Amino acid sequence: MLTCCIMAATMVSTCCFAQTVDSERQTNRGEPKGALATLTAEVQSGKVESVEIFYMPPYVLTDERVTPELLKHDYTYRVTVQRFRASGEALLLLSALKKTTVRAYGVPADLRWGAVFNLEDGRVHEFYMDGSGRFGQIDGVQTSFQGGLYEWFRQLTRCLK
């Protein structure tokens, strides 16, 4: 498991965001269950090279709803797991994904957690959640969440206040 010291040290790393739209994202557009299954399979098969975690605590007030673009630009904390496959976080995330269920939900959420998964072939998956962990989006689809993913985000950011 990552320690707060490692997390703090990686927050200052820089990253370029790929704007790649992968075939799974196109296939699963409007279909959060398929997008979750695809991400779960790619984490399990070791295809995720690195993960960027973005976090804006709920006490940070904004004039507008926090979107994925705003969160990636105005985050309070950013944590990079550069060698995700070799980290203990890969197994913890896989367990959380398997315990998570999703359903399409039409209302945009005020997003506070985000994760950008960079795959070995250059494709990207993105997950975002609100402060309650109940609403957000996966690969651009508005989604409601239940299960372990919220706890994974909370554990990963537990020392960030």
Protein backbone atom coordinates (compact mmCIF):
# COMPACT_ATOMS: atom_id res chain seq x y z
CA MET A 1 0.00 0.00 0.00
CA LEU A 2 1.24 3.49 -0.74
CA THR A 3 2.29 5.60 2.17
CA CYS A 4 1.45 9.26 2.61
CA CYS A 5 5.12 10.14 2.12
CA ILE A 6 5.24 8.47 -1.29
CA MET A 7 1.92 10.04 -2.22
CA ALA A 8 3.13 13.50 -1.25
CA ALA A 9 6.34 13.04 -3.23
CA THR A 10 4.48 11.98 -6.36
CA MET A 11 1.99 14.85 -6.24
CA VAL A 12 4.52 17.17 -7.84
CA SER A 13 5.21 14.96 -10.83
CA THR A 14 4.08 16.18 -14.21
CA CYS A 15 1.97 14.41 -16.72
CA CYS A 16 0.57 14.91 -20.20
CA PHE A 17 -2.97 13.75 -20.71
CA ALA A 18 -3.68 11.72 -23.77
CA GLN A 19 -6.89 12.65 -25.49
CA THR A 20 -7.11 9.21 -27.09
CA VAL A 21 -10.61 7.90 -27.58
CA ASP A 22 -10.28 4.13 -27.46
CA SER A 23 -12.47 1.57 -29.15
CA GLU A 24 -13.91 0.34 -25.83
CA ARG A 25 -15.03 3.86 -24.98
CA GLN A 26 -16.82 4.08 -28.34
CA THR A 27 -18.34 0.60 -27.93
CA ASN A 28 -19.44 1.29 -24.35
CA ARG A 29 -20.73 4.85 -24.88
CA GLY A 30 -23.86 5.09 -22.74
CA GLU A 31 -23.09 1.69 -21.24
CA PRO A 32 -21.36 2.05 -17.85
CA LYS A 33 -21.51 -1.69 -17.07
CA GLY A 34 -19.50 -2.49 -20.20
CA ALA A 35 -16.99 0.28 -19.44
CA LEU A 36 -16.55 -1.04 -15.88
CA ALA A 37 -16.09 -4.59 -17.17
CA THR A 38 -13.50 -3.41 -19.71
CA LEU A 39 -11.51 -1.49 -17.10
CA THR A 40 -11.68 -4.43 -14.67
CA ALA A 41 -10.35 -6.81 -17.34
CA GLU A 42 -7.53 -4.42 -18.27
CA VAL A 43 -6.47 -3.98 -14.64
CA GLN A 44 -6.59 -7.76 -14.14
CA SER A 45 -4.51 -8.46 -17.26
CA GLY A 46 -1.85 -5.89 -16.28
CA LYS A 47 -2.50 -3.48 -19.16
CA VAL A 48 -2.68 -0.38 -16.92
CA GLU A 49 0.77 1.21 -16.78
CA SER A 50 0.09 4.28 -14.67
CA VAL A 51 -2.73 6.07 -12.89
CA GLU A 52 -3.24 9.76 -12.15
CA ILE A 53 -5.52 10.40 -9.17
CA PHE A 54 -7.12 13.83 -8.76
CA TYR A 55 -8.78 14.97 -5.56
CA MET A 56 -10.59 18.13 -4.52
CA PRO A 57 -11.91 17.87 -0.95
CA PRO A 58 -15.62 18.58 -0.46
CA TYR A 59 -14.85 21.62 1.70
CA VAL A 60 -13.33 23.38 -1.34
CA LEU A 61 -16.10 25.59 -2.66
CA THR A 62 -16.45 26.39 -6.34
CA ASP A 63 -18.71 28.72 -8.32
CA GLU A 64 -19.77 25.90 -10.59
CA ARG A 65 -20.15 22.13 -10.64
CA VAL A 66 -16.75 20.42 -10.83
CA THR A 67 -16.40 18.69 -14.21
CA PRO A 68 -13.63 16.28 -15.25
CA GLU A 69 -11.83 19.10 -17.07
CA LEU A 70 -12.07 21.43 -14.06
CA LEU A 71 -10.91 18.70 -11.66
CA LYS A 72 -7.88 17.88 -13.85
CA HIS A 73 -6.97 21.56 -14.01
CA ASP A 74 -7.89 22.88 -10.53
CA TYR A 75 -7.33 19.82 -8.32
CA THR A 76 -6.15 20.26 -4.74
CA TYR A 77 -4.09 17.06 -4.87
CA ARG A 78 -2.75 14.93 -7.69
CA VAL A 79 -1.17 11.58 -7.01
CA THR A 80 0.72 9.65 -9.67
CA VAL A 81 1.17 5.91 -9.44
CA GLN A 82 3.80 5.64 -12.16
CA ARG A 83 4.41 1.88 -12.03
CA PHE A 84 0.86 0.82 -11.35
CA ARG A 85 1.30 -2.85 -12.34
CA ALA A 86 4.06 -3.26 -9.76
CA SER A 87 2.22 -1.44 -6.99
CA GLY A 88 -0.01 -2.97 -4.38
CA GLU A 89 -2.69 -0.55 -5.57
CA ALA A 90 -3.34 -2.68 -8.66
CA LEU A 91 -4.65 -5.57 -6.54
CA LEU A 92 -6.60 -3.24 -4.26
CA LEU A 93 -8.21 -1.52 -7.25
CA LEU A 94 -9.07 -4.84 -8.87
CA SER A 95 -10.80 -5.97 -5.70
CA ALA A 96 -12.69 -2.65 -5.49
CA LEU A 97 -13.76 -2.81 -9.14
CA LYS A 98 -15.12 -6.33 -8.67
CA LYS A 99 -17.21 -5.09 -5.72
CA THR A 100 -18.57 -2.10 -7.65
CA THR A 101 -21.81 -1.93 -9.59
CA VAL A 102 -22.78 0.91 -11.92
CA ARG A 103 -25.92 2.17 -13.61
CA ALA A 104 -26.48 4.94 -16.12
CA TYR A 105 -27.59 8.13 -14.39
CA GLY A 106 -28.55 11.22 -16.35
CA VAL A 107 -27.62 14.01 -13.92
CA PRO A 108 -24.06 15.43 -13.93
CA ALA A 109 -22.37 15.28 -10.52
CA ASP A 110 -20.08 17.70 -8.67
CA LEU A 111 -16.92 15.60 -9.09
CA ARG A 112 -14.29 15.43 -6.35
CA TRP A 113 -12.28 12.29 -7.16
CA GLY A 114 -10.93 11.32 -10.53
CA ALA A 115 -8.63 8.68 -11.97
CA VAL A 116 -7.03 8.58 -15.39
CA PHE A 117 -5.81 5.09 -16.28
CA ASN A 118 -3.05 5.05 -18.90
CA LEU A 119 -2.84 1.74 -20.75
CA GLU A 120 0.25 0.21 -22.31
CA ASP A 121 -1.08 0.75 -25.85
CA GLY A 122 -1.73 4.48 -25.30
CA ARG A 123 -5.46 4.22 -24.63
CA VAL A 124 -6.98 5.97 -21.61
CA HIS A 125 -9.90 5.21 -19.27
CA GLU A 126 -11.30 7.84 -16.91
CA PHE A 127 -13.35 7.48 -13.72
CA TYR A 128 -14.81 10.34 -11.67
CA MET A 129 -16.89 10.44 -8.47
CA ASP A 130 -18.63 13.04 -6.38
CA GLY A 131 -17.88 13.55 -2.68
CA SER A 132 -20.42 10.93 -1.61
CA GLY A 133 -19.08 8.26 -3.96
CA ARG A 134 -22.57 7.61 -5.32
CA PHE A 135 -22.50 9.56 -8.59
CA GLY A 136 -19.98 10.40 -11.28
CA GLN A 137 -18.90 9.09 -14.63
CA ILE A 138 -16.91 6.37 -16.27
CA ASP A 139 -15.42 7.03 -19.70
CA GLY A 140 -17.69 10.03 -20.18
CA VAL A 141 -20.95 8.30 -19.21
CA GLN A 142 -22.95 9.75 -16.27
CA THR A 143 -23.14 6.94 -13.74
CA SER A 144 -24.38 5.98 -10.29
CA PHE A 145 -22.00 3.79 -8.25
CA GLN A 146 -22.39 1.25 -5.48
CA GLY A 147 -19.66 -0.77 -3.84
CA GLY A 148 -15.92 -0.71 -3.34
CA LEU A 149 -14.57 1.94 -5.70
CA TYR A 150 -15.43 4.81 -3.36
CA GLU A 151 -13.51 3.14 -0.53
CA TRP A 152 -10.49 2.65 -2.81
CA PHE A 153 -10.44 6.39 -3.55
CA ARG A 154 -10.89 7.23 0.14
CA GLN A 155 -8.07 4.91 1.24
CA LEU A 156 -5.74 6.24 -1.43
CA THR A 157 -6.37 9.85 -0.40
CA ARG A 158 -6.84 9.30 3.37
CA CYS A 159 -3.88 11.44 4.40
CA LEU A 160 -4.78 14.34 2.10
CA LYS A 161 -6.88 16.94 3.86
